[in-house]
Amino acid sequence: MNTNQVKGAVKDAAGKVQRKTGELIDSDEQQVKGAAKQVEGKTQKAVGNAQEAAEDARDEAKSEAKNVRTGR
C-alpha cells in the first residue's frame, strides 16, 4: 500500500462518519460535507491504486528485461 491508498481510505471513512453524523443531527450541511469528503477519499485511493499498478508493471518489465539480458 502507498500513502495515497491509506490517506484515501482514511478520508473515505471520516467522510462516512461525518455524513452519518449529519443524518443523526439532521444537518444537511454536514451530510454534504461528509459525502464530499468520501468522494475525495475514494478518488485519492483510486489514484493510489493506479500508482501501485504502475509500479508493479514497471517492476515486472524490469524483471522481464533482466531475464532477456541474462538469457533466462
N, C-alpha and C. Protein backbone atom coordinates (compact mmCIF):
# COMPACT_ATOMS: atom_id res chain seq x y z
N MET A 1 0.84 -1.19 0.00
CA MET A 1 0.00 0.00 0.00
C MET A 1 0.88 1.25 0.00
N ASN A 2 0.39 2.25 -0.69
CA ASN A 2 1.13 3.51 -0.70
C ASN A 2 0.35 4.58 0.07
N THR A 3 0.96 5.73 0.20
CA THR A 3 0.40 6.82 1.00
C THR A 3 -0.98 7.24 0.52
N ASN A 4 -1.16 7.36 -0.80
CA ASN A 4 -2.46 7.79 -1.31
C ASN A 4 -3.56 6.78 -1.01
N GLN A 5 -3.23 5.51 -1.05
CA GLN A 5 -4.23 4.50 -0.72
C GLN A 5 -4.66 4.62 0.74
N VAL A 6 -3.71 4.79 1.62
CA VAL A 6 -4.02 4.88 3.05
C VAL A 6 -4.77 6.17 3.36
N LYS A 7 -4.25 7.29 2.89
CA LYS A 7 -4.92 8.58 3.16
C LYS A 7 -6.31 8.61 2.56
N GLY A 8 -6.46 8.03 1.38
CA GLY A 8 -7.78 8.00 0.74
C GLY A 8 -8.77 7.18 1.55
N ALA A 9 -8.33 6.05 2.05
CA ALA A 9 -9.21 5.20 2.86
C ALA A 9 -9.62 5.92 4.15
N VAL A 10 -8.68 6.64 4.74
CA VAL A 10 -8.98 7.38 5.98
C VAL A 10 -9.99 8.50 5.70
N LYS A 11 -9.80 9.24 4.60
CA LYS A 11 -10.74 10.31 4.25
C LYS A 11 -12.13 9.75 3.96
N ASP A 12 -12.17 8.63 3.27
CA ASP A 12 -13.45 8.00 2.96
C ASP A 12 -14.18 7.63 4.26
N ALA A 13 -13.47 7.01 5.18
CA ALA A 13 -14.07 6.62 6.46
C ALA A 13 -14.52 7.85 7.26
N ALA A 14 -13.68 8.88 7.30
CA ALA A 14 -14.03 10.10 8.03
C ALA A 14 -15.26 10.77 7.40
N GLY A 15 -15.32 10.75 6.09
CA GLY A 15 -16.48 11.32 5.41
C GLY A 15 -17.75 10.56 5.71
N LYS A 16 -17.63 9.24 5.79
CA LYS A 16 -18.80 8.42 6.10
C LYS A 16 -19.31 8.73 7.50
N VAL A 17 -18.39 8.88 8.45
CA VAL A 17 -18.77 9.24 9.82
C VAL A 17 -19.44 10.61 9.84
N GLN A 18 -18.85 11.57 9.13
CA GLN A 18 -19.40 12.92 9.10
C GLN A 18 -20.80 12.92 8.47
N ARG A 19 -20.96 12.17 7.38
CA ARG A 19 -22.25 12.10 6.72
C ARG A 19 -23.31 11.48 7.63
N LYS A 20 -22.95 10.38 8.28
CA LYS A 20 -23.89 9.71 9.19
C LYS A 20 -24.23 10.60 10.39
N THR A 21 -23.23 11.32 10.89
CA THR A 21 -23.48 12.26 11.99
C THR A 21 -24.45 13.33 11.54
N GLY A 22 -24.26 13.83 10.34
CA GLY A 22 -25.18 14.81 9.78
C GLY A 22 -26.60 14.30 9.69
N GLU A 23 -26.73 13.01 9.35
CA GLU A 23 -28.07 12.41 9.31
C GLU A 23 -28.69 12.37 10.70
N LEU A 24 -27.87 11.98 11.68
CA LEU A 24 -28.37 11.86 13.05
C LEU A 24 -28.81 13.19 13.64
N ILE A 25 -28.05 14.25 13.33
CA ILE A 25 -28.39 15.56 13.89
C ILE A 25 -29.22 16.40 12.93
N ASP A 26 -29.62 15.77 11.82
CA ASP A 26 -30.46 16.43 10.81
C ASP A 26 -29.81 17.69 10.26
N SER A 27 -28.53 17.55 9.87
CA SER A 27 -27.79 18.67 9.30
C SER A 27 -27.42 18.37 7.85
N ASP A 28 -28.13 19.03 6.93
CA ASP A 28 -27.82 18.83 5.51
C ASP A 28 -26.38 19.24 5.20
N GLU A 29 -25.92 20.30 5.84
CA GLU A 29 -24.56 20.79 5.60
C GLU A 29 -23.52 19.71 5.93
N GLN A 30 -23.67 19.07 7.08
CA GLN A 30 -22.71 18.02 7.47
C GLN A 30 -22.82 16.81 6.57
N GLN A 31 -24.01 16.50 6.13
CA GLN A 31 -24.19 15.37 5.22
C GLN A 31 -23.47 15.62 3.90
N VAL A 32 -23.62 16.83 3.39
CA VAL A 32 -22.98 17.18 2.12
C VAL A 32 -21.46 17.22 2.27
N LYS A 33 -20.98 17.81 3.36
CA LYS A 33 -19.54 17.84 3.59
C LYS A 33 -18.98 16.43 3.73
N GLY A 34 -19.69 15.58 4.42
CA GLY A 34 -19.25 14.20 4.59
C GLY A 34 -19.22 13.45 3.27
N ALA A 35 -20.26 13.64 2.46
CA ALA A 35 -20.30 12.98 1.16
C ALA A 35 -19.16 13.47 0.27
N ALA A 36 -18.87 14.77 0.32
CA ALA A 36 -17.77 15.33 -0.47
C ALA A 36 -16.43 14.75 -0.01
N LYS A 37 -16.27 14.60 1.29
CA LYS A 37 -15.03 14.03 1.82
C LYS A 37 -14.89 12.57 1.39
N GLN A 38 -16.01 11.85 1.33
CA GLN A 38 -15.98 10.47 0.87
C GLN A 38 -15.52 10.39 -0.58
N VAL A 39 -16.07 11.27 -1.41
CA VAL A 39 -15.67 11.29 -2.83
C VAL A 39 -14.19 11.59 -2.95
N GLU A 40 -13.72 12.57 -2.18
CA GLU A 40 -12.30 12.93 -2.20
C GLU A 40 -11.44 11.72 -1.78
N GLY A 41 -11.88 11.03 -0.75
CA GLY A 41 -11.13 9.87 -0.27
C GLY A 41 -11.11 8.74 -1.29
N LYS A 42 -12.26 8.45 -1.88
CA LYS A 42 -12.32 7.39 -2.89
C LYS A 42 -11.45 7.73 -4.10
N THR A 43 -11.44 9.01 -4.48
CA THR A 43 -10.62 9.44 -5.61
C THR A 43 -9.14 9.30 -5.28
N GLN A 44 -8.75 9.73 -4.08
CA GLN A 44 -7.34 9.62 -3.69
C GLN A 44 -6.91 8.15 -3.62
N LYS A 45 -7.80 7.31 -3.12
CA LYS A 45 -7.47 5.89 -3.05
C LYS A 45 -7.32 5.30 -4.45
N ALA A 46 -8.17 5.72 -5.39
CA ALA A 46 -8.07 5.25 -6.77
C ALA A 46 -6.75 5.68 -7.40
N VAL A 47 -6.31 6.90 -7.11
CA VAL A 47 -5.01 7.38 -7.59
C VAL A 47 -3.91 6.48 -7.02
N GLY A 48 -4.00 6.18 -5.75
CA GLY A 48 -3.03 5.30 -5.13
C GLY A 48 -3.02 3.92 -5.75
N ASN A 49 -4.20 3.40 -6.07
CA ASN A 49 -4.29 2.10 -6.72
C ASN A 49 -3.62 2.13 -8.09
N ALA A 50 -3.83 3.22 -8.83
CA ALA A 50 -3.21 3.36 -10.15
C ALA A 50 -1.69 3.45 -10.03
N GLN A 51 -1.22 4.19 -9.03
CA GLN A 51 0.22 4.29 -8.80
C GLN A 51 0.81 2.92 -8.49
N GLU A 52 0.13 2.18 -7.66
CA GLU A 52 0.60 0.85 -7.27
C GLU A 52 0.65 -0.07 -8.50
N ALA A 53 -0.38 -0.01 -9.34
CA ALA A 53 -0.41 -0.83 -10.54
C ALA A 53 0.73 -0.45 -11.49
N ALA A 54 0.98 0.85 -11.62
CA ALA A 54 2.08 1.31 -12.48
C ALA A 54 3.43 0.83 -11.95
N GLU A 55 3.60 0.90 -10.64
CA GLU A 55 4.86 0.44 -10.04
C GLU A 55 5.03 -1.07 -10.24
N ASP A 56 3.95 -1.81 -10.08
CA ASP A 56 4.01 -3.26 -10.29
C ASP A 56 4.37 -3.59 -11.74
N ALA A 57 3.76 -2.86 -12.69
CA ALA A 57 4.05 -3.08 -14.11
C ALA A 57 5.50 -2.73 -14.42
N ARG A 58 5.99 -1.63 -13.84
CA ARG A 58 7.38 -1.25 -14.05
C ARG A 58 8.32 -2.32 -13.52
N ASP A 59 8.04 -2.81 -12.32
CA ASP A 59 8.89 -3.84 -11.72
C ASP A 59 8.87 -5.12 -12.56
N GLU A 60 7.71 -5.48 -13.07
CA GLU A 60 7.59 -6.67 -13.91
C GLU A 60 8.39 -6.48 -15.21
N ALA A 61 8.29 -5.30 -15.80
CA ALA A 61 9.04 -5.03 -17.03
C ALA A 61 10.54 -5.09 -16.79
N LYS A 62 10.99 -4.54 -15.66
CA LYS A 62 12.41 -4.61 -15.32
C LYS A 62 12.86 -6.06 -15.17
N SER A 63 12.04 -6.86 -14.52
CA SER A 63 12.37 -8.26 -14.30
C SER A 63 12.45 -9.01 -15.63
N GLU A 64 11.49 -8.74 -16.50
CA GLU A 64 11.50 -9.39 -17.82
C GLU A 64 12.72 -8.97 -18.63
N ALA A 65 13.05 -7.68 -18.58
CA ALA A 65 14.22 -7.18 -19.31
C ALA A 65 15.49 -7.84 -18.78
N LYS A 66 15.58 -8.01 -17.49
CA LYS A 66 16.75 -8.67 -16.89
C LYS A 66 16.83 -10.11 -17.35
N ASN A 67 15.69 -10.79 -17.41
CA ASN A 67 15.67 -12.18 -17.86
C ASN A 67 16.11 -12.30 -19.31
N VAL A 68 15.71 -11.35 -20.14
CA VAL A 68 16.11 -11.38 -21.55
C VAL A 68 17.62 -11.18 -21.66
N ARG A 69 18.16 -10.23 -20.88
CA ARG A 69 19.60 -9.97 -20.93
C ARG A 69 20.43 -11.16 -20.46
N THR A 70 19.91 -11.88 -19.49
CA THR A 70 20.66 -13.00 -18.92
C THR A 70 20.33 -14.31 -19.61
N GLY A 71 19.41 -14.29 -20.57
CA GLY A 71 19.09 -15.49 -21.34
C GLY A 71 18.18 -16.47 -20.62
N ARG A 72 17.42 -16.01 -19.67
CA ARG A 72 16.52 -16.92 -18.93
C ARG A 72 15.18 -17.03 -19.58
